[in-house]
Amino acid sequence: MEIEYWQAILATVGMCFSYFWGKYLTKKEIIEGVIINTIESLADNQFVMVEEREDGEKYLVSIPDWVTTLEKAK
């Protein structure tokens, strides 16, 4: 009878571990998606300047570089 309790405890711990692990991974993916969509939306509406580099990644342009670029455009 004692073994039945240990099996139940072990199964419960395994389920809790799996639940919290999945919750952590899902939260991270959702936040990454929100950040990417926000930056793309701001760049499309020209609220921020984004530079796409050779590796295909988009980077935010710092304010001093942004001001220099605007002065060159005048």
PDB file of N, CA and C in Angstrom:
ATOM      1  N   MET A   1       0.815  -1.187   0.000  1.00  0.00           N
ATOM      2  CA  MET A   1       0.000   0.000   0.000  1.00  0.00           C
ATOM      3  C   MET A   1       0.864   1.259   0.000  1.00  0.00           C
ATOM      4  N   GLU A   2       2.019   1.182   0.581  1.00  0.00           N
ATOM      5  CA  GLU A   2       2.908   2.334   0.642  1.00  0.00           C
ATOM      6  C   GLU A   2       3.407   2.725  -0.746  1.00  0.00           C
ATOM      7  N   ILE A   3       3.609   1.759  -1.617  1.00  0.00           N
ATOM      8  CA  ILE A   3       4.107   2.021  -2.970  1.00  0.00           C
ATOM      9  C   ILE A   3       3.079   2.823  -3.766  1.00  0.00           C
ATOM     10  N   GLU A   4       1.821   2.601  -3.555  1.00  0.00           N
ATOM     11  CA  GLU A   4       0.781   3.319  -4.281  1.00  0.00           C
ATOM     12  C   GLU A   4       0.857   4.820  -4.008  1.00  0.00           C
ATOM     13  N   TYR A   5       1.148   5.203  -2.794  1.00  0.00           N
ATOM     14  CA  TYR A   5       1.279   6.619  -2.464  1.00  0.00           C
ATOM     15  C   TYR A   5       2.478   7.242  -3.166  1.00  0.00           C
ATOM     16  N   TRP A   6       3.595   6.529  -3.204  1.00  0.00           N
ATOM     17  CA  TRP A   6       4.785   7.060  -3.868  1.00  0.00           C
ATOM     18  C   TRP A   6       4.559   7.218  -5.361  1.00  0.00           C
ATOM     19  N   GLN A   7       3.841   6.282  -5.949  1.00  0.00           N
ATOM     20  CA  GLN A   7       3.538   6.394  -7.377  1.00  0.00           C
ATOM     21  C   GLN A   7       2.660   7.614  -7.646  1.00  0.00           C
ATOM     22  N   ALA A   8       1.688   7.840  -6.794  1.00  0.00           N
ATOM     23  CA  ALA A   8       0.811   8.994  -6.960  1.00  0.00           C
ATOM     24  C   ALA A   8       1.582  10.298  -6.777  1.00  0.00           C
ATOM     25  N   ILE A   9       2.445  10.331  -5.782  1.00  0.00           N
ATOM     26  CA  ILE A   9       3.258  11.530  -5.543  1.00  0.00           C
ATOM     27  C   ILE A   9       4.198  11.777  -6.705  1.00  0.00           C
ATOM     28  N   LEU A  10       4.853  10.729  -7.190  1.00  0.00           N
ATOM     29  CA  LEU A  10       5.772  10.861  -8.319  1.00  0.00           C
ATOM     30  C   LEU A  10       5.040  11.331  -9.575  1.00  0.00           C
ATOM     31  N   ALA A  11       3.862  10.784  -9.830  1.00  0.00           N
ATOM     32  CA  ALA A  11       3.081  11.200 -11.000  1.00  0.00           C
ATOM     33  C   ALA A  11       2.644  12.657 -10.867  1.00  0.00           C
ATOM     34  N   THR A  12       2.237  13.064  -9.673  1.00  0.00           N
ATOM     35  CA  THR A  12       1.809  14.443  -9.450  1.00  0.00           C
ATOM     36  C   THR A  12       2.960  15.423  -9.636  1.00  0.00           C
ATOM     37  N   VAL A  13       4.122  15.080  -9.114  1.00  0.00           N
ATOM     38  CA  VAL A  13       5.296  15.939  -9.286  1.00  0.00           C
ATOM     39  C   VAL A  13       5.656  16.055 -10.758  1.00  0.00           C
ATOM     40  N   GLY A  14       5.606  14.951 -11.489  1.00  0.00           N
ATOM     41  CA  GLY A  14       5.898  14.980 -12.925  1.00  0.00           C
ATOM     42  C   GLY A  14       4.914  15.849 -13.692  1.00  0.00           C
ATOM     43  N   MET A  15       3.638  15.754 -13.342  1.00  0.00           N
ATOM     44  CA  MET A  15       2.634  16.582 -14.016  1.00  0.00           C
ATOM     45  C   MET A  15       2.824  18.063 -13.697  1.00  0.00           C
ATOM     46  N   CYS A  16       3.133  18.374 -12.440  1.00  0.00           N
ATOM     47  CA  CYS A  16       3.370  19.770 -12.067  1.00  0.00           C
ATOM     48  C   CYS A  16       4.588  20.334 -12.788  1.00  0.00           C
ATOM     49  N   PHE A  17       5.654  19.539 -12.842  1.00  0.00           N
ATOM     50  CA  PHE A  17       6.861  19.972 -13.556  1.00  0.00           C
ATOM     51  C   PHE A  17       6.547  20.251 -15.023  1.00  0.00           C
ATOM     52  N   SER A  18       5.837  19.348 -15.673  1.00  0.00           N
ATOM     53  CA  SER A  18       5.488  19.527 -17.084  1.00  0.00           C
ATOM     54  C   SER A  18       4.602  20.745 -17.294  1.00  0.00           C
ATOM     55  N   TYR A  19       3.670  20.970 -16.399  1.00  0.00           N
ATOM     56  CA  TYR A  19       2.766  22.118 -16.506  1.00  0.00           C
ATOM     57  C   TYR A  19       3.537  23.435 -16.426  1.00  0.00           C
ATOM     58  N   PHE A  20       4.370  23.575 -15.404  1.00  0.00           N
ATOM     59  CA  PHE A  20       5.099  24.835 -15.234  1.00  0.00           C
ATOM     60  C   PHE A  20       6.151  25.037 -16.322  1.00  0.00           C
ATOM     61  N   TRP A  21       6.750  23.982 -16.803  1.00  0.00           N
ATOM     62  CA  TRP A  21       7.711  24.074 -17.894  1.00  0.00           C
ATOM     63  C   TRP A  21       7.006  24.563 -19.160  1.00  0.00           C
ATOM     64  N   GLY A  22       5.858  23.988 -19.476  1.00  0.00           N
ATOM     65  CA  GLY A  22       5.090  24.425 -20.644  1.00  0.00           C
ATOM     66  C   GLY A  22       4.591  25.847 -20.507  1.00  0.00           C
ATOM     67  N   LYS A  23       4.174  26.205 -19.305  1.00  0.00           N
ATOM     68  CA  LYS A  23       3.703  27.568 -19.062  1.00  0.00           C
ATOM     69  C   LYS A  23       4.825  28.575 -19.276  1.00  0.00           C
ATOM     70  N   TYR A  24       6.025  28.268 -18.824  1.00  0.00           N
ATOM     71  CA  TYR A  24       7.174  29.154 -19.002  1.00  0.00           C
ATOM     72  C   TYR A  24       7.512  29.315 -20.473  1.00  0.00           C
ATOM     73  N   LEU A  25       7.570  28.217 -21.226  1.00  0.00           N
ATOM     74  CA  LEU A  25       7.936  28.283 -22.644  1.00  0.00           C
ATOM     75  C   LEU A  25       6.888  29.041 -23.453  1.00  0.00           C
ATOM     76  N   THR A  26       5.621  28.834 -23.159  1.00  0.00           N
ATOM     77  CA  THR A  26       4.561  29.525 -23.886  1.00  0.00           C
ATOM     78  C   THR A  26       4.605  31.020 -23.613  1.00  0.00           C
ATOM     79  N   LYS A  27       4.845  31.388 -22.384  1.00  0.00           N
ATOM     80  CA  LYS A  27       4.902  32.799 -22.007  1.00  0.00           C
ATOM     81  C   LYS A  27       6.016  33.509 -22.771  1.00  0.00           C
ATOM     82  N   LYS A  28       7.161  32.861 -22.873  1.00  0.00           N
ATOM     83  CA  LYS A  28       8.302  33.451 -23.567  1.00  0.00           C
ATOM     84  C   LYS A  28       7.989  33.642 -25.057  1.00  0.00           C
ATOM     85  N   GLU A  29       7.363  32.651 -25.686  1.00  0.00           N
ATOM     86  CA  GLU A  29       7.034  32.759 -27.105  1.00  0.00           C
ATOM     87  C   GLU A  29       6.013  33.859 -27.360  1.00  0.00           C
ATOM     88  N   ILE A  30       5.034  33.994 -26.473  1.00  0.00           N
ATOM     89  CA  ILE A  30       4.016  35.026 -26.643  1.00  0.00           C
ATOM     90  C   ILE A  30       4.646  36.407 -26.530  1.00  0.00           C
ATOM     91  N   ILE A  31       5.500  36.603 -25.546  1.00  0.00           N
ATOM     92  CA  ILE A  31       6.145  37.905 -25.347  1.00  0.00           C
ATOM     93  C   ILE A  31       7.041  38.247 -26.532  1.00  0.00           C
ATOM     94  N   GLU A  32       7.786  37.259 -27.056  1.00  0.00           N
ATOM     95  CA  GLU A  32       8.635  37.513 -28.223  1.00  0.00           C
ATOM     96  C   GLU A  32       7.793  37.944 -29.420  1.00  0.00           C
ATOM     97  N   GLY A  33       6.652  37.297 -29.621  1.00  0.00           N
ATOM     98  CA  GLY A  33       5.768  37.653 -30.724  1.00  0.00           C
ATOM     99  C   GLY A  33       5.222  39.058 -30.593  1.00  0.00           C
ATOM    100  N   VAL A  34       4.854  39.442 -29.383  1.00  0.00           N
ATOM    101  CA  VAL A  34       4.325  40.784 -29.138  1.00  0.00           C
ATOM    102  C   VAL A  34       5.396  41.832 -29.407  1.00  0.00           C
ATOM    103  N   ILE A  35       6.609  41.588 -28.958  1.00  0.00           N
ATOM    104  CA  ILE A  35       7.695  42.547 -29.167  1.00  0.00           C
ATOM    105  C   ILE A  35       7.997  42.711 -30.653  1.00  0.00           C
ATOM    106  N   ILE A  36       8.076  41.608 -31.367  1.00  0.00           N
ATOM    107  CA  ILE A  36       8.375  41.670 -32.805  1.00  0.00           C
ATOM    108  C   ILE A  36       7.280  42.422 -33.548  1.00  0.00           C
ATOM    109  N   ASN A  37       6.015  42.110 -33.248  1.00  0.00           N
ATOM    110  CA  ASN A  37       4.904  42.797 -33.921  1.00  0.00           C
ATOM    111  C   ASN A  37       4.866  44.281 -33.585  1.00  0.00           C
ATOM    112  N   THR A  38       5.178  44.647 -32.354  1.00  0.00           N
ATOM    113  CA  THR A  38       5.183  46.050 -31.960  1.00  0.00           C
ATOM    114  C   THR A  38       6.266  46.827 -32.694  1.00  0.00           C
ATOM    115  N   ILE A  39       7.464  46.282 -32.753  1.00  0.00           N
ATOM    116  CA  ILE A  39       8.566  46.965 -33.444  1.00  0.00           C
ATOM    117  C   ILE A  39       8.266  47.094 -34.935  1.00  0.00           C
ATOM    118  N   GLU A  40       7.723  46.033 -35.552  1.00  0.00           N
ATOM    119  CA  GLU A  40       7.388  46.111 -36.968  1.00  0.00           C
ATOM    120  C   GLU A  40       6.299  47.144 -37.229  1.00  0.00           C
ATOM    121  N   SER A  41       5.315  47.208 -36.352  1.00  0.00           N
ATOM    122  CA  SER A  41       4.236  48.189 -36.508  1.00  0.00           C
ATOM    123  C   SER A  41       4.770  49.613 -36.371  1.00  0.00           C
ATOM    124  N   LEU A  42       5.620  49.837 -35.392  1.00  0.00           N
ATOM    125  CA  LEU A  42       6.206  51.171 -35.211  1.00  0.00           C
ATOM    126  C   LEU A  42       7.075  51.552 -36.406  1.00  0.00           C
ATOM    127  N   ALA A  43       7.814  50.606 -36.949  1.00  0.00           N
ATOM    128  CA  ALA A  43       8.666  50.888 -38.108  1.00  0.00           C
ATOM    129  C   ALA A  43       7.825  51.160 -39.354  1.00  0.00           C
ATOM    130  N   ASP A  44       6.735  50.397 -39.540  1.00  0.00           N
ATOM    131  CA  ASP A  44       5.874  50.610 -40.706  1.00  0.00           C
ATOM    132  C   ASP A  44       5.211  51.980 -40.678  1.00  0.00           C
ATOM    133  N   ASN A  45       4.868  52.452 -39.502  1.00  0.00           N
ATOM    134  CA  ASN A  45       4.234  53.763 -39.362  1.00  0.00           C
ATOM    135  C   ASN A  45       5.258  54.884 -39.169  1.00  0.00           C
ATOM    136  N   GLN A  46       6.519  54.568 -39.274  1.00  0.00           N
ATOM    137  CA  GLN A  46       7.649  55.502 -39.204  1.00  0.00           C
ATOM    138  C   GLN A  46       7.730  56.240 -37.872  1.00  0.00           C
ATOM    139  N   PHE A  47       7.429  55.536 -36.784  1.00  0.00           N
ATOM    140  CA  PHE A  47       7.630  56.105 -35.453  1.00  0.00           C
ATOM    141  C   PHE A  47       9.037  55.828 -34.943  1.00  0.00           C
ATOM    142  N   VAL A  48       9.667  54.788 -35.458  1.00  0.00           N
ATOM    143  CA  VAL A  48      11.056  54.463 -35.136  1.00  0.00           C
ATOM    144  C   VAL A  48      11.770  54.108 -36.427  1.00  0.00           C
ATOM    145  N   MET A  49      13.094  54.252 -36.413  1.00  0.00           N
ATOM    146  CA  MET A  49      13.891  53.861 -37.577  1.00  0.00           C
ATOM    147  C   MET A  49      14.480  52.484 -37.328  1.00  0.00           C
ATOM    148  N   VAL A  50      14.373  51.637 -38.339  1.00  0.00           N
ATOM    149  CA  VAL A  50      14.889  50.281 -38.254  1.00  0.00           C
ATOM    150  C   VAL A  50      15.860  50.063 -39.395  1.00  0.00           C
ATOM    151  N   GLU A  51      16.958  49.421 -39.084  1.00  0.00           N
ATOM    152  CA  GLU A  51      17.970  49.122 -40.091  1.00  0.00           C
ATOM    153  C   GLU A  51      18.035  47.609 -40.255  1.00  0.00           C
ATOM    154  N   GLU A  52      17.918  47.163 -41.491  1.00  0.00           N
ATOM    155  CA  GLU A  52      18.032  45.725 -41.748  1.00  0.00           C
ATOM    156  C   GLU A  52      19.450  45.436 -42.207  1.00  0.00           C
ATOM    157  N   ARG A  53      20.120  44.587 -41.475  1.00  0.00           N
ATOM    158  CA  ARG A  53      21.522  44.286 -41.767  1.00  0.00           C
ATOM    159  C   ARG A  53      21.642  43.097 -42.699  1.00  0.00           C
ATOM    160  N   GLU A  54      22.877  42.750 -43.037  1.00  0.00           N
ATOM    161  CA  GLU A  54      23.142  41.702 -44.014  1.00  0.00           C
ATOM    162  C   GLU A  54      22.608  40.339 -43.586  1.00  0.00           C
ATOM    163  N   ASP A  55      22.545  40.091 -42.282  1.00  0.00           N
ATOM    164  CA  ASP A  55      22.071  38.797 -41.800  1.00  0.00           C
ATOM    165  C   ASP A  55      20.551  38.693 -41.790  1.00  0.00           C
ATOM    166  N   GLY A  56      19.851  39.759 -42.192  1.00  0.00           N
ATOM    167  CA  GLY A  56      18.399  39.752 -42.264  1.00  0.00           C
ATOM    168  C   GLY A  56      17.712  40.204 -40.995  1.00  0.00           C
ATOM    169  N   GLU A  57      18.456  40.422 -39.936  1.00  0.00           N
ATOM    170  CA  GLU A  57      17.885  40.880 -38.678  1.00  0.00           C
ATOM    171  C   GLU A  57      17.624  42.386 -38.743  1.00  0.00           C
ATOM    172  N   LYS A  58      16.579  42.812 -38.069  1.00  0.00           N
ATOM    173  CA  LYS A  58      16.259  44.232 -38.002  1.00  0.00           C
ATOM    174  C   LYS A  58      16.730  44.776 -36.662  1.00  0.00           C
ATOM    175  N   TYR A  59      17.358  45.947 -36.698  1.00  0.00           N
ATOM    176  CA  TYR A  59      17.875  46.587 -35.495  1.00  0.00           C
ATOM    177  C   TYR A  59      17.333  48.002 -35.412  1.00  0.00           C
ATOM    178  N   LEU A  60      17.032  48.437 -34.194  1.00  0.00           N
ATOM    179  CA  LEU A  60      16.607  49.821 -34.000  1.00  0.00           C
ATOM    180  C   LEU A  60      17.808  50.738 -34.164  1.00  0.00           C
ATOM    181  N   VAL A  61      17.597  51.879 -34.795  1.00  0.00           N
ATOM    182  CA  VAL A  61      18.659  52.852 -35.023  1.00  0.00           C
ATOM    183  C   VAL A  61      18.694  53.792 -33.815  1.00  0.00           C
ATOM    184  N   SER A  62      19.880  54.046 -33.288  1.00  0.00           N
ATOM    185  CA  SER A  62      19.997  54.927 -32.124  1.00  0.00           C
ATOM    186  C   SER A  62      19.660  56.365 -32.510  1.00  0.00           C
ATOM    187  N   ILE A  63      19.313  57.163 -31.539  1.00  0.00           N
ATOM    188  CA  ILE A  63      18.868  58.539 -31.784  1.00  0.00           C
ATOM    189  C   ILE A  63      19.952  59.392 -32.451  1.00  0.00           C
ATOM    190  N   PRO A  64      21.223  59.349 -32.007  1.00  0.00           N
ATOM    191  CA  PRO A  64      22.234  60.156 -32.713  1.00  0.00           C
ATOM    192  C   PRO A  64      22.377  59.773 -34.193  1.00  0.00           C
ATOM    193  N   ASP A  65      22.312  58.484 -34.494  1.00  0.00           N
ATOM    194  CA  ASP A  65      22.376  58.056 -35.901  1.00  0.00           C
ATOM    195  C   ASP A  65      21.138  58.500 -36.659  1.00  0.00           C
ATOM    196  N   TRP A  66      20.001  58.487 -35.980  1.00  0.00           N
ATOM    197  CA  TRP A  66      18.751  58.899 -36.586  1.00  0.00           C
ATOM    198  C   TRP A  66      18.794  60.380 -36.951  1.00  0.00           C
ATOM    199  N   VAL A  67      19.309  61.205 -36.041  1.00  0.00           N
ATOM    200  CA  VAL A  67      19.401  62.643 -36.294  1.00  0.00           C
ATOM    201  C   VAL A  67      20.373  62.899 -37.447  1.00  0.00           C
ATOM    202  N   THR A  68      21.489  62.193 -37.474  1.00  0.00           N
ATOM    203  CA  THR A  68      22.483  62.351 -38.543  1.00  0.00           C
ATOM    204  C   THR A  68      21.854  61.981 -39.889  1.00  0.00           C
ATOM    205  N   THR A  69      21.101  60.916 -39.928  1.00  0.00           N
ATOM    206  CA  THR A  69      20.454  60.487 -41.172  1.00  0.00           C
ATOM    207  C   THR A  69      19.453  61.537 -41.635  1.00  0.00           C
ATOM    208  N   LEU A  70      18.694  62.104 -40.724  1.00  0.00           N
ATOM    209  CA  LEU A  70      17.720  63.131 -41.098  1.00  0.00           C
ATOM    210  C   LEU A  70      18.410  64.398 -41.596  1.00  0.00           C
ATOM    211  N   GLU A  71      19.542  64.763 -40.989  1.00  0.00           N
ATOM    212  CA  GLU A  71      20.269  65.958 -41.425  1.00  0.00           C
ATOM    213  C   GLU A  71      20.849  65.752 -42.811  1.00  0.00           C
ATOM    214  N   LYS A  72      21.318  64.552 -43.115  1.00  0.00           N
ATOM    215  CA  LYS A  72      21.846  64.254 -44.453  1.00  0.00           C
ATOM    216  C   LYS A  72      20.727  64.311 -45.496  1.00  0.00           C
ATOM    217  N   ALA A  73      19.535  63.916 -45.101  1.00  0.00           N
ATOM    218  CA  ALA A  73      18.402  63.899 -46.051  1.00  0.00           C
ATOM    219  C   ALA A  73      17.962  65.307 -46.420  1.00  0.00           C
ATOM    220  N   LYS A  74      18.227  66.304 -45.573  1.00  0.00           N
ATOM    221  CA  LYS A  74      17.829  67.689 -45.869  1.00  0.00           C
ATOM    222  C   LYS A  74      18.724  68.220 -46.938  1.00  0.00           C
TER     223      LYS A  74
END
